[in-house]
């Protein structure tokens, strides 16, 4: 991609997210989301492949549908209340439609169908962009309307997302699809907590992004796209393998790693609000996600391929990739061992 085109696209992504996070008017937020969407589509479709074109088309159609639903919701609220202010979403129907539109924007269930397919048709770098940066704008809007969000709607979307994210990831061998279902499950925890403890929900999604970033960057340096290629990482880069293992266990929510902290805080607040049954169901459903995290961890650490291979492994690290890997290791370790600081 030409440097000028890449600069224009990245500027559009940054400005679109900045417009949404600083907006007070629904039309300004909608305009920022549209600018963001238009900028991401060329990045998805830059590969000359039918799968990339299909992914870009699916991304455009779902994001355009969510934007139209969001615009309809805000217009309905302005018609009923006379206010275009984002924080004044007082109409119940508008609030329900807006929550569903934002869930579709992020890829939460039941509007999750586009996320695994789009990520599978994208590169690992584009996957990192969609699963982290592209969630900032919808999460910001969801945080701003959390006071008017109906708890039964957010609980339903959250539980369904945790179930779909865990159940869908078990049967996957493609890492990008597995990470897509992992994203859906983490969104479920965030949306469940958004109506009762918005700050903890925001903390949960921030920690997820800080864990996903080094994970996907390390997978990019090794060009690992399937579980089969992951098994040979140990023989070439033990440091990368150990770091990936700790990151995966942290994303699974095992103590004393960082990923356990927001889940513990969410469950604690649900019990405080007399929602013990909901907390128990969420804890049980999270075991589904734990299955494929542990399977990938086992393949990383316990499976060693034959050392006398007769074919060239094209995915293996090249010498100039050692420096990015060395830089990613302390970043990943910082994100893994952040638990004591969060609990104090």
C-alpha atoms as a PDB file:
ATOM      1  CA  UNK A   1       0.000   0.000   0.000  1.00  0.00           C
ATOM      2  CA  UNK A   2       1.414   3.473  -0.898  1.00  0.00           C
ATOM      3  CA  UNK A   3       2.602   5.459   2.138  1.00  0.00           C
ATOM      4  CA  UNK A   4       0.274   8.386   1.429  1.00  0.00           C
ATOM      5  CA  UNK A   5      -2.762   6.084   1.198  1.00  0.00           C
ATOM      6  CA  UNK A   6      -1.745   4.297   4.401  1.00  0.00           C
ATOM      7  CA  UNK A   7      -1.280   7.627   6.198  1.00  0.00           C
ATOM      8  CA  UNK A   8      -4.721   8.815   5.031  1.00  0.00           C
ATOM      9  CA  UNK A   9      -6.384   5.593   6.166  1.00  0.00           C
ATOM     10  CA  UNK A  10      -4.705   5.608   9.592  1.00  0.00           C
ATOM     11  CA  UNK A  11      -5.569   9.292  10.015  1.00  0.00           C
ATOM     12  CA  UNK A  12      -9.211   8.495   9.236  1.00  0.00           C
ATOM     13  CA  UNK A  13      -9.248   5.676  11.796  1.00  0.00           C
ATOM     14  CA  UNK A  14      -7.706   7.885  14.472  1.00  0.00           C
ATOM     15  CA  UNK A  15      -9.925  10.911  13.762  1.00  0.00           C
ATOM     16  CA  UNK A  16     -13.066   8.763  13.608  1.00  0.00           C
ATOM     17  CA  UNK A  17     -12.390   7.262  17.021  1.00  0.00           C
ATOM     18  CA  UNK A  18     -11.452  10.680  18.426  1.00  0.00           C
ATOM     19  CA  UNK A  19     -14.712  12.182  17.132  1.00  0.00           C
ATOM     20  CA  UNK A  20     -16.769   9.465  18.841  1.00  0.00           C
ATOM     21  CA  UNK A  21     -14.953   9.613  22.177  1.00  0.00           C
ATOM     22  CA  UNK A  22     -15.266  13.419  22.364  1.00  0.00           C
ATOM     23  CA  UNK A  23     -18.814  13.727  20.981  1.00  0.00           C
ATOM     24  CA  UNK A  24     -21.875  14.960  22.846  1.00  0.00           C
ATOM     25  CA  UNK A  25     -24.257  14.854  19.877  1.00  0.00           C
ATOM     26  CA  UNK A  26     -25.514  11.623  18.324  1.00  0.00           C
ATOM     27  CA  UNK A  27     -24.933  12.842  14.767  1.00  0.00           C
ATOM     28  CA  UNK A  28     -21.286  13.635  15.543  1.00  0.00           C
ATOM     29  CA  UNK A  29     -20.829  10.168  17.036  1.00  0.00           C
ATOM     30  CA  UNK A  30     -22.492   8.578  14.012  1.00  0.00           C
ATOM     31  CA  UNK A  31     -20.257  10.563  11.662  1.00  0.00           C
ATOM     32  CA  UNK A  32     -17.159   9.400  13.560  1.00  0.00           C
ATOM     33  CA  UNK A  33     -18.241   5.767  13.358  1.00  0.00           C
ATOM     34  CA  UNK A  34     -18.846   6.077   9.612  1.00  0.00           C
ATOM     35  CA  UNK A  35     -15.423   7.636   9.070  1.00  0.00           C
ATOM     36  CA  UNK A  36     -13.877   4.839  11.096  1.00  0.00           C
ATOM     37  CA  UNK A  37     -15.697   2.149   9.113  1.00  0.00           C
ATOM     38  CA  UNK A  38     -14.774   3.606   5.705  1.00  0.00           C
ATOM     39  CA  UNK A  39     -11.122   3.782   6.735  1.00  0.00           C
ATOM     40  CA  UNK A  40     -10.939   0.152   7.887  1.00  0.00           C
ATOM     41  CA  UNK A  41     -12.505  -1.407   4.780  1.00  0.00           C
ATOM     42  CA  UNK A  42      -9.446  -0.790   2.491  1.00  0.00           C
ATOM     43  CA  UNK A  43      -7.180  -2.362   5.129  1.00  0.00           C
ATOM     44  CA  UNK A  44      -9.292  -5.540   5.150  1.00  0.00           C
ATOM     45  CA  UNK A  45      -9.530  -5.688   1.351  1.00  0.00           C
ATOM     46  CA  UNK A  46      -5.892  -4.820   0.557  1.00  0.00           C
ATOM     47  CA  UNK A  47      -5.002  -8.478  -0.047  1.00  0.00           C
ATOM     48  CA  UNK A  48      -5.782  -9.589  -3.586  1.00  0.00           C
ATOM     49  CA  UNK A  49      -7.825 -12.552  -2.481  1.00  0.00           C
ATOM     50  CA  UNK A  50     -11.493 -13.505  -2.674  1.00  0.00           C
ATOM     51  CA  UNK A  51     -11.564 -14.216   1.061  1.00  0.00           C
ATOM     52  CA  UNK A  52     -10.433 -10.661   1.838  1.00  0.00           C
ATOM     53  CA  UNK A  53     -13.045  -9.189  -0.482  1.00  0.00           C
ATOM     54  CA  UNK A  54     -15.725 -11.300   1.184  1.00  0.00           C
ATOM     55  CA  UNK A  55     -14.544 -10.192   4.632  1.00  0.00           C
ATOM     56  CA  UNK A  56     -14.589  -6.524   3.616  1.00  0.00           C
ATOM     57  CA  UNK A  57     -18.108  -6.874   2.195  1.00  0.00           C
ATOM     58  CA  UNK A  58     -19.428  -8.566   5.334  1.00  0.00           C
ATOM     59  CA  UNK A  59     -17.786  -5.939   7.519  1.00  0.00           C
ATOM     60  CA  UNK A  60     -19.309  -3.104   5.486  1.00  0.00           C
ATOM     61  CA  UNK A  61     -22.832  -4.557   5.461  1.00  0.00           C
ATOM     62  CA  UNK A  62     -22.964  -5.305   9.193  1.00  0.00           C
ATOM     63  CA  UNK A  63     -21.390  -2.006  10.231  1.00  0.00           C
ATOM     64  CA  UNK A  64     -23.709  -0.066   7.900  1.00  0.00           C
ATOM     65  CA  UNK A  65     -26.730  -1.896   9.342  1.00  0.00           C
ATOM     66  CA  UNK A  66     -25.592  -1.138  12.893  1.00  0.00           C
ATOM     67  CA  UNK A  67     -25.022   2.526  11.994  1.00  0.00           C
ATOM     68  CA  UNK A  68     -28.490   2.793  10.459  1.00  0.00           C
ATOM     69  CA  UNK A  69     -30.046   1.208  13.560  1.00  0.00           C
ATOM     70  CA  UNK A  70     -28.057   3.554  15.768  1.00  0.00           C
ATOM     71  CA  UNK A  71     -29.189   6.589  13.755  1.00  0.00           C
ATOM     72  CA  UNK A  72     -32.812   5.407  13.909  1.00  0.00           C
ATOM     73  CA  UNK A  73     -32.559   4.940  17.676  1.00  0.00           C
ATOM     74  CA  UNK A  74     -31.084   8.395  18.281  1.00  0.00           C
ATOM     75  CA  UNK A  75     -33.660  10.006  15.976  1.00  0.00           C
ATOM     76  CA  UNK A  76     -36.494   8.248  17.801  1.00  0.00           C
ATOM     77  CA  UNK A  77     -35.114   9.445  21.130  1.00  0.00           C
ATOM     78  CA  UNK A  78     -34.821  13.016  19.838  1.00  0.00           C
ATOM     79  CA  UNK A  79     -38.398  12.841  18.567  1.00  0.00           C
ATOM     80  CA  UNK A  80     -39.703  11.683  21.941  1.00  0.00           C
ATOM     81  CA  UNK A  81     -37.505  13.756  24.287  1.00  0.00           C
ATOM     82  CA  UNK A  82     -36.313  16.658  22.113  1.00  0.00           C
ATOM     83  CA  UNK A  83     -32.648  15.998  22.964  1.00  0.00           C
ATOM     84  CA  UNK A  84     -29.762  14.792  20.805  1.00  0.00           C
ATOM     85  CA  UNK A  85     -27.453  14.531  23.812  1.00  0.00           C
ATOM     86  CA  UNK A  86     -25.757  11.124  24.061  1.00  0.00           C
ATOM     87  CA  UNK A  87     -26.194  10.937  27.837  1.00  0.00           C
ATOM     88  CA  UNK A  88     -29.947  11.680  27.605  1.00  0.00           C
ATOM     89  CA  UNK A  89     -31.139   8.411  26.058  1.00  0.00           C
ATOM     90  CA  UNK A  90     -34.325   8.322  28.134  1.00  0.00           C
ATOM     91  CA  UNK A  91     -36.662   6.489  25.746  1.00  0.00           C
ATOM     92  CA  UNK A  92     -36.773   2.752  26.564  1.00  0.00           C
ATOM     93  CA  UNK A  93     -37.196   1.601  22.963  1.00  0.00           C
ATOM     94  CA  UNK A  94     -34.350   3.862  21.840  1.00  0.00           C
ATOM     95  CA  UNK A  95     -32.146   2.548  24.632  1.00  0.00           C
ATOM     96  CA  UNK A  96     -32.832  -1.086  23.654  1.00  0.00           C
ATOM     97  CA  UNK A  97     -32.175  -0.441  19.962  1.00  0.00           C
ATOM     98  CA  UNK A  98     -28.989   1.470  20.772  1.00  0.00           C
ATOM     99  CA  UNK A  99     -27.619  -1.334  22.961  1.00  0.00           C
ATOM    100  CA  UNK A 100     -28.283  -3.848  20.173  1.00  0.00           C
ATOM    101  CA  UNK A 101     -26.709  -1.545  17.552  1.00  0.00           C
ATOM    102  CA  UNK A 102     -23.566  -1.094  19.640  1.00  0.00           C
ATOM    103  CA  UNK A 103     -23.437  -4.850  20.292  1.00  0.00           C
ATOM    104  CA  UNK A 104     -23.533  -5.407  16.523  1.00  0.00           C
ATOM    105  CA  UNK A 105     -20.770  -2.816  16.078  1.00  0.00           C
ATOM    106  CA  UNK A 106     -18.526  -4.687  18.512  1.00  0.00           C
ATOM    107  CA  UNK A 107     -19.505  -8.205  17.462  1.00  0.00           C
ATOM    108  CA  UNK A 108     -21.382  -9.350  20.564  1.00  0.00           C
ATOM    109  CA  UNK A 109     -24.047 -12.076  20.378  1.00  0.00           C
ATOM    110  CA  UNK A 110     -26.626 -12.445  18.898  1.00  0.00           C
ATOM    111  CA  UNK A 111     -25.131 -10.139  16.219  1.00  0.00           C
ATOM    112  CA  UNK A 112     -21.738 -11.860  16.318  1.00  0.00           C
ATOM    113  CA  UNK A 113     -22.014 -13.742  13.015  1.00  0.00           C
ATOM    114  CA  UNK A 114     -19.737 -11.363  11.079  1.00  0.00           C
ATOM    115  CA  UNK A 115     -16.748 -11.242  13.425  1.00  0.00           C
ATOM    116  CA  UNK A 116     -15.215 -14.753  12.970  1.00  0.00           C
ATOM    117  CA  UNK A 117     -15.621 -14.626   9.190  1.00  0.00           C
ATOM    118  CA  UNK A 118     -14.147 -11.128   8.881  1.00  0.00           C
ATOM    119  CA  UNK A 119     -11.156 -11.979  11.054  1.00  0.00           C
ATOM    120  CA  UNK A 120     -10.550 -15.223   9.148  1.00  0.00           C
ATOM    121  CA  UNK A 121     -10.378 -13.267   5.894  1.00  0.00           C
ATOM    122  CA  UNK A 122      -7.990 -10.671   7.350  1.00  0.00           C
ATOM    123  CA  UNK A 123      -4.325 -10.640   8.258  1.00  0.00           C
ATOM    124  CA  UNK A 124      -3.147 -10.948  11.866  1.00  0.00           C
ATOM    125  CA  UNK A 125      -2.346  -7.225  11.924  1.00  0.00           C
ATOM    126  CA  UNK A 126      -5.865  -6.364  10.750  1.00  0.00           C
ATOM    127  CA  UNK A 127      -7.239  -8.796  13.336  1.00  0.00           C
ATOM    128  CA  UNK A 128      -5.362  -6.837  16.004  1.00  0.00           C
ATOM    129  CA  UNK A 129      -6.879  -3.586  14.728  1.00  0.00           C
ATOM    130  CA  UNK A 130     -10.455  -4.925  14.685  1.00  0.00           C
ATOM    131  CA  UNK A 131     -10.293  -6.639  18.086  1.00  0.00           C
ATOM    132  CA  UNK A 132      -8.707  -3.704  19.941  1.00  0.00           C
ATOM    133  CA  UNK A 133      -8.861  -0.226  18.412  1.00  0.00           C
ATOM    134  CA  UNK A 134     -12.200  -0.708  16.655  1.00  0.00           C
ATOM    135  CA  UNK A 135     -13.887  -1.465  19.985  1.00  0.00           C
ATOM    136  CA  UNK A 136     -12.909   1.838  21.593  1.00  0.00           C
ATOM    137  CA  UNK A 137     -15.643   3.931  19.952  1.00  0.00           C
ATOM    138  CA  UNK A 138     -18.620   1.569  20.591  1.00  0.00           C
ATOM    139  CA  UNK A 139     -17.443   0.859  24.153  1.00  0.00           C
ATOM    140  CA  UNK A 140     -17.237   4.616  24.811  1.00  0.00           C
ATOM    141  CA  UNK A 141     -20.816   5.118  23.612  1.00  0.00           C
ATOM    142  CA  UNK A 142     -21.988   2.110  25.634  1.00  0.00           C
ATOM    143  CA  UNK A 143     -20.301   3.567  28.713  1.00  0.00           C
ATOM    144  CA  UNK A 144     -21.981   6.938  28.145  1.00  0.00           C
ATOM    145  CA  UNK A 145     -25.487   5.426  27.868  1.00  0.00           C
ATOM    146  CA  UNK A 146     -24.957   2.862  30.649  1.00  0.00           C
ATOM    147  CA  UNK A 147     -27.163   4.826  33.063  1.00  0.00           C
ATOM    148  CA  UNK A 148     -30.145   4.308  30.746  1.00  0.00           C
ATOM    149  CA  UNK A 149     -29.330   0.707  29.742  1.00  0.00           C
ATOM    150  CA  UNK A 150     -31.946  -1.833  30.796  1.00  0.00           C
ATOM    151  CA  UNK A 151     -30.265  -4.472  32.920  1.00  0.00           C
ATOM    152  CA  UNK A 152     -32.326  -7.390  31.575  1.00  0.00           C
ATOM    153  CA  UNK A 153     -31.245  -6.563  28.001  1.00  0.00           C
ATOM    154  CA  UNK A 154     -27.555  -6.259  28.903  1.00  0.00           C
ATOM    155  CA  UNK A 155     -27.698  -9.449  30.995  1.00  0.00           C
ATOM    156  CA  UNK A 156     -29.236 -11.376  28.085  1.00  0.00           C
ATOM    157  CA  UNK A 157     -26.678 -10.118  25.540  1.00  0.00           C
ATOM    158  CA  UNK A 158     -23.831 -10.704  27.986  1.00  0.00           C
ATOM    159  CA  UNK A 159     -24.792 -14.269  28.896  1.00  0.00           C
ATOM    160  CA  UNK A 160     -25.439 -15.180  25.278  1.00  0.00           C
ATOM    161  CA  UNK A 161     -22.058 -13.727  24.258  1.00  0.00           C
ATOM    162  CA  UNK A 162     -20.220 -15.724  26.943  1.00  0.00           C
ATOM    163  CA  UNK A 163     -22.022 -18.884  25.838  1.00  0.00           C
ATOM    164  CA  UNK A 164     -21.431 -18.329  22.113  1.00  0.00           C
ATOM    165  CA  UNK A 165     -17.822 -17.250  22.651  1.00  0.00           C
ATOM    166  CA  UNK A 166     -17.000 -20.366  24.674  1.00  0.00           C
ATOM    167  CA  UNK A 167     -19.000 -22.842  22.620  1.00  0.00           C
ATOM    168  CA  UNK A 168     -17.841 -21.511  19.260  1.00  0.00           C
ATOM    169  CA  UNK A 169     -14.154 -21.452  20.123  1.00  0.00           C
ATOM    170  CA  UNK A 170     -13.964 -25.106  21.187  1.00  0.00           C
ATOM    171  CA  UNK A 171     -14.292 -26.524  17.672  1.00  0.00           C
ATOM    172  CA  UNK A 172     -11.808 -24.160  15.994  1.00  0.00           C
ATOM    173  CA  UNK A 173      -8.326 -24.888  14.675  1.00  0.00           C
ATOM    174  CA  UNK A 174      -7.812 -21.456  13.109  1.00  0.00           C
ATOM    175  CA  UNK A 175      -6.264 -19.021  15.579  1.00  0.00           C
ATOM    176  CA  UNK A 176      -8.031 -15.979  14.141  1.00  0.00           C
ATOM    177  CA  UNK A 177     -11.455 -17.550  14.552  1.00  0.00           C
ATOM    178  CA  UNK A 178     -10.508 -18.727  18.029  1.00  0.00           C
ATOM    179  CA  UNK A 179      -9.503 -15.194  18.997  1.00  0.00           C
ATOM    180  CA  UNK A 180     -12.737 -13.893  17.482  1.00  0.00           C
ATOM    181  CA  UNK A 181     -14.798 -16.126  19.772  1.00  0.00           C
ATOM    182  CA  UNK A 182     -12.520 -15.115  22.649  1.00  0.00           C
ATOM    183  CA  UNK A 183     -13.361 -11.491  21.861  1.00  0.00           C
ATOM    184  CA  UNK A 184     -17.080 -12.315  21.902  1.00  0.00           C
ATOM    185  CA  UNK A 185     -16.763 -13.979  25.318  1.00  0.00           C
ATOM    186  CA  UNK A 186     -14.863 -11.045  26.816  1.00  0.00           C
ATOM    187  CA  UNK A 187     -17.446  -8.648  25.397  1.00  0.00           C
ATOM    188  CA  UNK A 188     -20.077 -10.715  27.201  1.00  0.00           C
ATOM    189  CA  UNK A 189     -18.421 -10.007  30.547  1.00  0.00           C
ATOM    190  CA  UNK A 190     -18.180  -6.312  29.699  1.00  0.00           C
ATOM    191  CA  UNK A 191     -21.797  -5.920  28.578  1.00  0.00           C
ATOM    192  CA  UNK A 192     -23.115  -7.864  31.576  1.00  0.00           C
ATOM    193  CA  UNK A 193     -21.385  -5.495  33.983  1.00  0.00           C
ATOM    194  CA  UNK A 194     -22.018  -2.259  32.071  1.00  0.00           C
ATOM    195  CA  UNK A 195     -25.426  -1.539  33.612  1.00  0.00           C
ATOM    196  CA  UNK A 196     -24.424  -2.104  37.259  1.00  0.00           C
ATOM    197  CA  UNK A 197     -20.694  -1.267  37.408  1.00  0.00           C
ATOM    198  CA  UNK A 198     -19.644   0.671  34.286  1.00  0.00           C
ATOM    199  CA  UNK A 199     -16.150   1.430  35.598  1.00  0.00           C
ATOM    200  CA  UNK A 200     -15.322  -2.249  36.159  1.00  0.00           C
ATOM    201  CA  UNK A 201     -16.742  -3.106  32.730  1.00  0.00           C
ATOM    202  CA  UNK A 202     -14.446  -0.476  31.221  1.00  0.00           C
ATOM    203  CA  UNK A 203     -11.511  -1.917  33.174  1.00  0.00           C
ATOM    204  CA  UNK A 204     -12.340  -5.384  31.847  1.00  0.00           C
ATOM    205  CA  UNK A 205     -12.239  -4.348  28.201  1.00  0.00           C
ATOM    206  CA  UNK A 206      -9.039  -2.321  28.716  1.00  0.00           C
ATOM    207  CA  UNK A 207      -7.272  -5.307  30.277  1.00  0.00           C
ATOM    208  CA  UNK A 208      -8.513  -7.504  27.425  1.00  0.00           C
ATOM    209  CA  UNK A 209      -7.031  -5.098  24.881  1.00  0.00           C
ATOM    210  CA  UNK A 210      -3.686  -4.936  26.693  1.00  0.00           C
ATOM    211  CA  UNK A 211      -3.497  -8.731  26.715  1.00  0.00           C
ATOM    212  CA  UNK A 212      -4.647  -9.219  23.129  1.00  0.00           C
ATOM    213  CA  UNK A 213      -2.146  -6.723  21.693  1.00  0.00           C
ATOM    214  CA  UNK A 214       1.101  -8.547  22.608  1.00  0.00           C
ATOM    215  CA  UNK A 215      -0.561 -11.927  21.937  1.00  0.00           C
ATOM    216  CA  UNK A 216      -1.456 -11.073  18.350  1.00  0.00           C
ATOM    217  CA  UNK A 217       1.826  -9.255  17.759  1.00  0.00           C
ATOM    218  CA  UNK A 218       3.757 -12.343  18.828  1.00  0.00           C
ATOM    219  CA  UNK A 219       1.610 -14.536  16.601  1.00  0.00           C
ATOM    220  CA  UNK A 220       2.366 -12.102  13.779  1.00  0.00           C
ATOM    221  CA  UNK A 221       6.134 -12.418  14.282  1.00  0.00           C
ATOM    222  CA  UNK A 222       5.868 -16.213  14.050  1.00  0.00           C
ATOM    223  CA  UNK A 223       3.198 -16.138  11.293  1.00  0.00           C
ATOM    224  CA  UNK A 224       1.196 -18.704  13.269  1.00  0.00           C
ATOM    225  CA  UNK A 225      -2.340 -19.006  11.937  1.00  0.00           C
ATOM    226  CA  UNK A 226      -3.408 -22.517  12.965  1.00  0.00           C
ATOM    227  CA  UNK A 227      -2.978 -24.785  15.963  1.00  0.00           C
ATOM    228  CA  UNK A 228      -0.709 -27.005  13.878  1.00  0.00           C
ATOM    229  CA  UNK A 229       1.874 -24.267  13.295  1.00  0.00           C
ATOM    230  CA  UNK A 230       1.754 -23.250  16.959  1.00  0.00           C
ATOM    231  CA  UNK A 231       3.094 -26.656  18.020  1.00  0.00           C
ATOM    232  CA  UNK A 232       6.514 -25.984  16.484  1.00  0.00           C
ATOM    233  CA  UNK A 233       7.094 -22.628  18.165  1.00  0.00           C
ATOM    234  CA  UNK A 234       8.864 -24.105  21.195  1.00  0.00           C
ATOM    235  CA  UNK A 235      11.744 -25.594  19.204  1.00  0.00           C
ATOM    236  CA  UNK A 236      12.590 -22.197  17.716  1.00  0.00           C
ATOM    237  CA  UNK A 237      11.726 -19.571  20.360  1.00  0.00           C
ATOM    238  CA  UNK A 238      11.122 -20.822  23.924  1.00  0.00           C
ATOM    239  CA  UNK A 239      10.796 -17.257  25.264  1.00  0.00           C
ATOM    240  CA  UNK A 240       7.970 -16.476  22.853  1.00  0.00           C
ATOM    241  CA  UNK A 241       6.288 -19.776  23.720  1.00  0.00           C
ATOM    242  CA  UNK A 242       6.396 -19.177  27.478  1.00  0.00           C
ATOM    243  CA  UNK A 243       5.105 -15.624  27.077  1.00  0.00           C
ATOM    244  CA  UNK A 244       2.277 -16.775  24.809  1.00  0.00           C
ATOM    245  CA  UNK A 245       1.363 -19.457  27.346  1.00  0.00           C
ATOM    246  CA  UNK A 246       1.146 -16.952  30.198  1.00  0.00           C
ATOM    247  CA  UNK A 247      -0.895 -14.557  28.051  1.00  0.00           C
ATOM    248  CA  UNK A 248      -3.357 -17.307  27.115  1.00  0.00           C
ATOM    249  CA  UNK A 249      -3.741 -18.384  30.748  1.00  0.00           C
ATOM    250  CA  UNK A 250      -4.297 -14.754  31.709  1.00  0.00           C
ATOM    251  CA  UNK A 251      -6.978 -14.374  29.027  1.00  0.00           C
ATOM    252  CA  UNK A 252      -8.589 -17.547  30.362  1.00  0.00           C
ATOM    253  CA  UNK A 253      -8.937 -15.826  33.731  1.00  0.00           C
ATOM    254  CA  UNK A 254      -6.742 -18.065  35.877  1.00  0.00           C
ATOM    255  CA  UNK A 255      -5.400 -16.590  39.135  1.00  0.00           C
ATOM    256  CA  UNK A 256      -3.029 -14.940  39.963  1.00  0.00           C
ATOM    257  CA  UNK A 257      -2.735 -13.518  36.437  1.00  0.00           C
ATOM    258  CA  UNK A 258      -4.165 -10.174  35.363  1.00  0.00           C
ATOM    259  CA  UNK A 259      -7.149 -11.550  33.440  1.00  0.00           C
ATOM    260  CA  UNK A 260      -8.570 -12.979  36.660  1.00  0.00           C
ATOM    261  CA  UNK A 261      -8.917  -9.529  38.278  1.00  0.00           C
ATOM    262  CA  UNK A 262     -11.836  -8.015  36.283  1.00  0.00           C
ATOM    263  CA  UNK A 263     -13.774 -11.283  36.312  1.00  0.00           C
ATOM    264  CA  UNK A 264     -13.416 -11.509  40.090  1.00  0.00           C
ATOM    265  CA  UNK A 265     -14.539  -7.903  40.497  1.00  0.00           C
ATOM    266  CA  UNK A 266     -17.534  -8.400  38.185  1.00  0.00           C
ATOM    267  CA  UNK A 267     -18.639 -11.558  40.030  1.00  0.00           C
ATOM    268  CA  UNK A 268     -18.178  -9.805  43.387  1.00  0.00           C
ATOM    269  CA  UNK A 269     -20.387  -6.888  42.324  1.00  0.00           C
ATOM    270  CA  UNK A 270     -23.039  -9.217  40.914  1.00  0.00           C
ATOM    271  CA  UNK A 271     -23.212 -11.001  44.282  1.00  0.00           C
ATOM    272  CA  UNK A 272     -23.378  -7.621  46.037  1.00  0.00           C
ATOM    273  CA  UNK A 273     -26.399  -6.686  43.905  1.00  0.00           C
ATOM    274  CA  UNK A 274     -28.132  -9.981  44.839  1.00  0.00           C
ATOM    275  CA  UNK A 275     -27.484 -11.515  41.416  1.00  0.00           C
ATOM    276  CA  UNK A 276     -25.803 -14.669  42.701  1.00  0.00           C
ATOM    277  CA  UNK A 277     -27.525 -16.926  40.164  1.00  0.00           C
ATOM    278  CA  UNK A 278     -26.314 -14.779  37.282  1.00  0.00           C
ATOM    279  CA  UNK A 279     -22.787 -14.775  38.689  1.00  0.00           C
ATOM    280  CA  UNK A 280     -22.846 -18.582  39.025  1.00  0.00           C
ATOM    281  CA  UNK A 281     -24.046 -19.038  35.438  1.00  0.00           C
ATOM    282  CA  UNK A 282     -21.339 -16.698  34.117  1.00  0.00           C
ATOM    283  CA  UNK A 283     -18.647 -18.528  36.072  1.00  0.00           C
ATOM    284  CA  UNK A 284     -19.832 -21.888  34.712  1.00  0.00           C
ATOM    285  CA  UNK A 285     -20.048 -20.644  31.127  1.00  0.00           C
ATOM    286  CA  UNK A 286     -16.516 -19.253  31.328  1.00  0.00           C
ATOM    287  CA  UNK A 287     -15.306 -22.854  31.654  1.00  0.00           C
ATOM    288  CA  UNK A 288     -16.169 -23.316  27.970  1.00  0.00           C
ATOM    289  CA  UNK A 289     -13.617 -20.657  27.045  1.00  0.00           C
ATOM    290  CA  UNK A 290     -11.128 -22.227  29.422  1.00  0.00           C
ATOM    291  CA  UNK A 291     -11.220 -25.455  27.392  1.00  0.00           C
ATOM    292  CA  UNK A 292      -9.792 -24.022  24.176  1.00  0.00           C
ATOM    293  CA  UNK A 293      -7.339 -21.774  26.033  1.00  0.00           C
ATOM    294  CA  UNK A 294      -5.930 -24.796  27.857  1.00  0.00           C
ATOM    295  CA  UNK A 295      -5.866 -26.808  24.616  1.00  0.00           C
ATOM    296  CA  UNK A 296      -3.778 -24.128  22.929  1.00  0.00           C
ATOM    297  CA  UNK A 297      -1.544 -23.889  26.005  1.00  0.00           C
ATOM    298  CA  UNK A 298      -1.010 -27.661  25.908  1.00  0.00           C
ATOM    299  CA  UNK A 299      -0.085 -27.562  22.236  1.00  0.00           C
ATOM    300  CA  UNK A 300       2.357 -24.721  22.886  1.00  0.00           C
ATOM    301  CA  UNK A 301       4.224 -26.296  25.789  1.00  0.00           C
ATOM    302  CA  UNK A 302       3.740 -30.056  25.721  1.00  0.00           C
ATOM    303  CA  UNK A 303       3.827 -31.014  22.042  1.00  0.00           C
ATOM    304  CA  UNK A 304       7.273 -31.114  20.424  1.00  0.00           C
ATOM    305  CA  UNK A 305       7.457 -32.008  16.720  1.00  0.00           C
ATOM    306  CA  UNK A 306      10.169 -34.224  15.238  1.00  0.00           C
ATOM    307  CA  UNK A 307      13.389 -32.266  14.853  1.00  0.00           C
ATOM    308  CA  UNK A 308      14.420 -33.971  11.593  1.00  0.00           C
ATOM    309  CA  UNK A 309      11.943 -32.184   9.366  1.00  0.00           C
ATOM    310  CA  UNK A 310      12.415 -32.552   5.627  1.00  0.00           C
ATOM    311  CA  UNK A 311      10.495 -29.437   4.601  1.00  0.00           C
ATOM    312  CA  UNK A 312      11.217 -25.763   5.066  1.00  0.00           C
ATOM    313  CA  UNK A 313       8.909 -24.156   7.624  1.00  0.00           C
ATOM    314  CA  UNK A 314       8.003 -20.902   5.915  1.00  0.00           C
ATOM    315  CA  UNK A 315       6.331 -19.521   9.025  1.00  0.00           C
ATOM    316  CA  UNK A 316       9.459 -19.616  11.191  1.00  0.00           C
ATOM    317  CA  UNK A 317      11.020 -16.514  12.657  1.00  0.00           C
ATOM    318  CA  UNK A 318      13.502 -14.680  10.476  1.00  0.00           C
ATOM    319  CA  UNK A 319      16.612 -13.075  11.994  1.00  0.00           C
ATOM    320  CA  UNK A 320      15.256  -9.532  11.692  1.00  0.00           C
ATOM    321  CA  UNK A 321      12.189 -10.558  13.713  1.00  0.00           C
ATOM    322  CA  UNK A 322      14.224 -11.181  16.867  1.00  0.00           C
ATOM    323  CA  UNK A 323      14.207  -7.520  17.852  1.00  0.00           C
ATOM    324  CA  UNK A 324      10.381  -7.091  17.830  1.00  0.00           C
ATOM    325  CA  UNK A 325      10.059 -10.319  19.815  1.00  0.00           C
ATOM    326  CA  UNK A 326      12.548  -9.074  22.393  1.00  0.00           C
ATOM    327  CA  UNK A 327      10.586  -5.820  22.692  1.00  0.00           C
ATOM    328  CA  UNK A 328       7.242  -7.594  23.068  1.00  0.00           C
ATOM    329  CA  UNK A 329       8.366  -9.804  25.937  1.00  0.00           C
ATOM    330  CA  UNK A 330       8.562  -7.105  28.656  1.00  0.00           C
ATOM    331  CA  UNK A 331       5.298  -5.566  27.417  1.00  0.00           C
ATOM    332  CA  UNK A 332       3.547  -8.915  27.676  1.00  0.00           C
ATOM    333  CA  UNK A 333       5.041  -9.659  31.088  1.00  0.00           C
ATOM    334  CA  UNK A 334       3.892  -6.262  32.359  1.00  0.00           C
ATOM    335  CA  UNK A 335       0.340  -7.074  31.258  1.00  0.00           C
ATOM    336  CA  UNK A 336       0.503 -10.528  32.842  1.00  0.00           C
ATOM    337  CA  UNK A 337       1.804  -9.482  36.256  1.00  0.00           C
ATOM    338  CA  UNK A 338      -0.386  -6.416  36.779  1.00  0.00           C
ATOM    339  CA  UNK A 339      -2.648  -8.179  39.318  1.00  0.00           C
ATOM    340  CA  UNK A 340      -1.088  -6.869  42.566  1.00  0.00           C
ATOM    341  CA  UNK A 341      -1.260  -3.269  41.359  1.00  0.00           C
ATOM    342  CA  UNK A 342      -4.939  -3.631  40.427  1.00  0.00           C
ATOM    343  CA  UNK A 343      -5.927  -5.159  43.750  1.00  0.00           C
ATOM    344  CA  UNK A 344      -4.263  -2.438  45.882  1.00  0.00           C
END
